[in-house]
Every structure is written in C-alpha cells, then in structure tokens.
C-alpha atoms as a PDB file:
ATOM      1  CA  MET A   1      23.077  -8.822 -61.713  1.00  0.00           C
ATOM      2  CA  ASP A   2      26.218 -10.947 -62.024  1.00  0.00           C
ATOM      3  CA  LEU A   3      29.306  -9.788 -64.040  1.00  0.00           C
ATOM      4  CA  THR A   4      28.787 -11.848 -66.990  1.00  0.00           C
ATOM      5  CA  THR A   5      25.185 -10.125 -67.389  1.00  0.00           C
ATOM      6  CA  PHE A   6      26.861  -6.762 -66.746  1.00  0.00           C
ATOM      7  CA  TYR A   7      29.463  -7.245 -69.538  1.00  0.00           C
ATOM      8  CA  SER A   8      26.825  -8.728 -71.861  1.00  0.00           C
ATOM      9  CA  GLU A   9      24.706  -5.457 -71.389  1.00  0.00           C
ATOM     10  CA  ILE A  10      27.530  -3.438 -72.499  1.00  0.00           C
ATOM     11  CA  GLY A  11      28.609  -5.669 -75.343  1.00  0.00           C
ATOM     12  CA  VAL A  12      31.683  -7.138 -74.006  1.00  0.00           C
ATOM     13  CA  ASP A  13      32.655 -10.737 -73.439  1.00  0.00           C
ATOM     14  CA  ILE A  14      33.736 -11.018 -69.935  1.00  0.00           C
ATOM     15  CA  LYS A  15      36.294 -13.736 -70.808  1.00  0.00           C
ATOM     16  CA  THR A  16      38.194 -11.164 -72.868  1.00  0.00           C
ATOM     17  CA  VAL A  17      38.428  -8.963 -69.901  1.00  0.00           C
ATOM     18  CA  VAL A  18      39.396 -11.724 -67.345  1.00  0.00           C
ATOM     19  CA  ASN A  19      42.067 -12.953 -69.866  1.00  0.00           C
ATOM     20  CA  ARG A  20      43.346  -9.421 -70.345  1.00  0.00           C
ATOM     21  CA  LEU A  21      43.739  -8.973 -66.672  1.00  0.00           C
ATOM     22  CA  GLY A  22      45.099 -12.501 -66.046  1.00  0.00           C
ATOM     23  CA  LEU A  23      43.369 -12.546 -62.686  1.00  0.00           C
ATOM     24  CA  PRO A  24      40.201 -14.457 -61.362  1.00  0.00           C
ATOM     25  CA  GLU A  25      36.901 -12.839 -61.667  1.00  0.00           C
ATOM     26  CA  LYS A  26      36.830 -11.850 -57.953  1.00  0.00           C
ATOM     27  CA  TYR A  27      39.585  -9.325 -58.737  1.00  0.00           C
ATOM     28  CA  LEU A  28      37.668  -7.864 -61.611  1.00  0.00           C
ATOM     29  CA  LYS A  29      34.863  -7.214 -58.970  1.00  0.00           C
ATOM     30  CA  LYS A  30      37.269  -5.449 -56.790  1.00  0.00           C
ATOM     31  CA  TYR A  31      38.568  -3.293 -59.593  1.00  0.00           C
ATOM     32  CA  LEU A  32      35.136  -2.415 -60.549  1.00  0.00           C
ATOM     33  CA  ARG A  33      34.341  -1.370 -57.052  1.00  0.00           C
ATOM     34  CA  LYS A  34      37.356   0.780 -57.110  1.00  0.00           C
ATOM     35  CA  PHE A  35      36.339   2.295 -60.447  1.00  0.00           C
ATOM     36  CA  LYS A  36      32.958   3.218 -58.837  1.00  0.00           C
ATOM     37  CA  GLU A  37      34.728   5.012 -55.981  1.00  0.00           C
ATOM     38  CA  ASN A  38      37.219   6.738 -58.383  1.00  0.00           C
ATOM     39  CA  LYS A  39      37.202  10.464 -58.221  1.00  0.00           C
ATOM     40  CA  GLU A  40      39.098  10.996 -61.523  1.00  0.00           C
ATOM     41  CA  TYR A  41      35.568  11.576 -63.281  1.00  0.00           C
ATOM     42  CA  GLN A  42      34.906  14.524 -61.027  1.00  0.00           C
ATOM     43  CA  LYS A  43      38.172  16.020 -61.870  1.00  0.00           C
ATOM     44  CA  LEU A  44      37.461  15.613 -65.558  1.00  0.00           C
ATOM     45  CA  SER A  45      34.087  17.238 -65.150  1.00  0.00           C
ATOM     46  CA  LYS A  46      35.714  20.101 -63.215  1.00  0.00           C
ATOM     47  CA  ALA A  47      38.358  20.555 -65.899  1.00  0.00           C
ATOM     48  CA  VAL A  48      35.910  20.539 -68.482  1.00  0.00           C
ATOM     49  CA  ALA A  49      33.888  23.125 -66.774  1.00  0.00           C
ATOM     50  CA  GLU A  50      36.719  25.433 -66.167  1.00  0.00           C
ATOM     51  CA  GLN A  51      38.261  24.858 -69.720  1.00  0.00           C
ATOM     52  CA  ASP A  52      41.472  23.571 -68.192  1.00  0.00           C
ATOM     53  CA  ASP A  53      42.689  21.558 -71.210  1.00  0.00           C
ATOM     54  CA  TYR A  54      45.771  20.289 -69.310  1.00  0.00           C
ATOM     55  CA  ASN A  55      43.566  18.613 -66.825  1.00  0.00           C
ATOM     56  CA  VAL A  56      40.972  17.380 -69.121  1.00  0.00           C
ATOM     57  CA  GLU A  57      43.921  15.515 -70.919  1.00  0.00           C
ATOM     58  CA  TRP A  58      45.360  14.254 -67.611  1.00  0.00           C
ATOM     59  CA  ALA A  59      41.992  12.923 -66.155  1.00  0.00           C
ATOM     60  CA  ALA A  60      40.648  11.465 -69.398  1.00  0.00           C
ATOM     61  CA  HIS A  61      44.012   9.692 -70.236  1.00  0.00           C
ATOM     62  CA  SER A  62      43.796   8.218 -66.674  1.00  0.00           C
ATOM     63  CA  LEU A  63      40.225   7.170 -66.999  1.00  0.00           C
ATOM     64  CA  LYS A  64      41.059   5.874 -70.529  1.00  0.00           C
ATOM     65  CA  GLY A  65      43.617   3.352 -68.957  1.00  0.00           C
ATOM     66  CA  VAL A  66      41.185   2.249 -66.355  1.00  0.00           C
ATOM     67  CA  ALA A  67      38.407   1.805 -68.904  1.00  0.00           C
ATOM     68  CA  SER A  68      40.678  -0.265 -71.142  1.00  0.00           C
ATOM     69  CA  ASN A  69      41.719  -2.561 -68.375  1.00  0.00           C
ATOM     70  CA  LEU A  70      38.196  -3.276 -67.184  1.00  0.00           C
ATOM     71  CA  GLY A  71      37.011  -3.603 -70.578  1.00  0.00           C
ATOM     72  CA  LEU A  72      34.585  -0.693 -70.499  1.00  0.00           C
ATOM     73  CA  ASN A  73      35.122  -0.006 -74.309  1.00  0.00           C
ATOM     74  CA  SER A  74      32.493   2.570 -74.832  1.00  0.00           C
ATOM     75  CA  LEU A  75      34.017   4.702 -72.101  1.00  0.00           C
ATOM     76  CA  LEU A  76      37.530   4.128 -73.500  1.00  0.00           C
ATOM     77  CA  THR A  77      36.561   5.502 -76.832  1.00  0.00           C
ATOM     78  CA  GLY A  78      34.972   8.630 -75.192  1.00  0.00           C
ATOM     79  CA  PHE A  79      37.979   9.245 -73.075  1.00  0.00           C
ATOM     80  CA  GLN A  80      40.298   8.594 -75.940  1.00  0.00           C
ATOM     81  CA  ASP A  81      38.455  11.235 -78.017  1.00  0.00           C
ATOM     82  CA  LEU A  82      38.699  13.747 -75.112  1.00  0.00           C
ATOM     83  CA  VAL A  83      42.605  13.123 -74.876  1.00  0.00           C
ATOM     84  CA  ASP A  84      42.831  13.344 -78.729  1.00  0.00           C
ATOM     85  CA  SER A  85      40.938  16.674 -79.009  1.00  0.00           C
ATOM     86  CA  VAL A  86      43.487  18.295 -76.479  1.00  0.00           C
ATOM     87  CA  ARG A  87      46.429  16.757 -78.226  1.00  0.00           C
ATOM     88  CA  HIS A  88      45.408  18.076 -81.573  1.00  0.00           C
ATOM     89  CA  GLU A  89      44.231  21.290 -80.281  1.00  0.00           C
ATOM     90  CA  ASP A  90      40.550  20.642 -81.216  1.00  0.00           C
ATOM     91  CA  THR A  91      39.418  21.957 -77.875  1.00  0.00           C
ATOM     92  CA  GLN A  92      36.190  23.404 -79.133  1.00  0.00           C
ATOM     93  CA  ARG A  93      34.778  19.841 -79.258  1.00  0.00           C
ATOM     94  CA  ILE A  94      35.503  19.012 -75.700  1.00  0.00           C
ATOM     95  CA  PRO A  95      32.083  19.984 -74.374  1.00  0.00           C
ATOM     96  CA  GLU A  96      30.399  18.004 -76.969  1.00  0.00           C
ATOM     97  CA  LEU A  97      32.631  15.072 -76.548  1.00  0.00           C
ATOM     98  CA  PHE A  98      32.375  15.213 -72.611  1.00  0.00           C
ATOM     99  CA  GLU A  99      28.561  15.160 -72.820  1.00  0.00           C
ATOM    100  CA  ALA A 100      28.623  12.132 -75.063  1.00  0.00           C
ATOM    101  CA  THR A 101      31.038  10.382 -72.752  1.00  0.00           C
ATOM    102  CA  SER A 102      29.211  11.517 -69.646  1.00  0.00           C
ATOM    103  CA  GLN A 103      26.004   9.865 -70.871  1.00  0.00           C
ATOM    104  CA  GLU A 104      27.836   6.589 -71.319  1.00  0.00           C
ATOM    105  CA  TYR A 105      29.535   7.066 -67.964  1.00  0.00           C
ATOM    106  CA  GLN A 106      26.171   7.455 -66.336  1.00  0.00           C
ATOM    107  CA  LYS A 107      24.796   4.390 -68.031  1.00  0.00           C
ATOM    108  CA  ILE A 108      27.868   2.244 -66.921  1.00  0.00           C
ATOM    109  CA  MET A 109      27.652   3.505 -63.389  1.00  0.00           C
ATOM    110  CA  SER A 110      23.833   2.754 -63.308  1.00  0.00           C
ATOM    111  CA  LEU A 111      24.400  -0.636 -64.492  1.00  0.00           C
ATOM    112  CA  LEU A 112      27.202  -1.046 -61.923  1.00  0.00           C
ATOM    113  CA  GLU A 113      24.788  -0.207 -59.184  1.00  0.00           C
ATOM    114  CA  GLU A 114      22.914  -3.459 -60.070  1.00  0.00           C
ATOM    115  CA  VAL A 115      25.890  -5.606 -60.006  1.00  0.00           C
ATOM    116  CA  ASP A 116      26.889  -7.699 -56.929  1.00  0.00           C
ATOM    117  CA  LEU A 117      30.491  -6.558 -56.463  1.00  0.00           C
ATOM    118  CA  GLU A 118      31.004  -8.040 -53.032  1.00  0.00           C
ATOM    119  CA  GLU A 119      33.668 -10.719 -52.886  1.00  0.00           C
ATOM    120  CA  SER A 120      32.665 -14.116 -53.030  1.00  0.00           C
END
C-alpha cells in the first residue's frame, strides 16, 4: 500500500499532511516509521493499567502531538480525550476512552504494516 492509499483509508488527504509538515513525502515515511517504533503507547497503556493519571496525561499528550503532525486525526481525538479527562478530573472515563483509542491505534498500526515505508 502506498501513503496516499493509507491516508485515504483513514479519511485524510495526504496533501494536507505534507503541506502541514512542509516536507517531501519521503520524510513523512520516515516519521511514520518512527511512529511505529515509538514506545510512548506502551507507556500510556501501563499508566492506564496502574491508574497513574500523571503519566496518562503525559503519554497521551505526547502521542497527541505526534498524531497531529502525522495527520492521524482519529488518534489525535482519542489522545486529546484522555488528556482532557485527566485535566478535568474525569478520570473514571480513562479506561473507556483508552479502550476506544486502543482500537483505533491497533487499526492504524495494522494499516501501517501494509504501507511501504522504505525510503525511495
């Protein structure tokens, strides 16, 4: 699968992402590779399991920024909801929000496995 198809699958126009980054498409591939390798999601998962609100907010905020830059809008929304739940002391919703975000994260990661992210 190429990048255009990947972004189409997740409902995002790749041109918008490339324009936001101000970089050629090959750099988008590089950053998507780094996203796949990023361990911040595992930190978020651990923080949710341990009910560690501080680290839930920290990891979700970090992932929110990455998702925003890469045009992964469905993840951006999920991570933002997690950040907001901690900041508004609505922490009982964290497990439910994390589950929904996790499902979307797994979908994105599965699609990324099909994308040729090697440099051209």
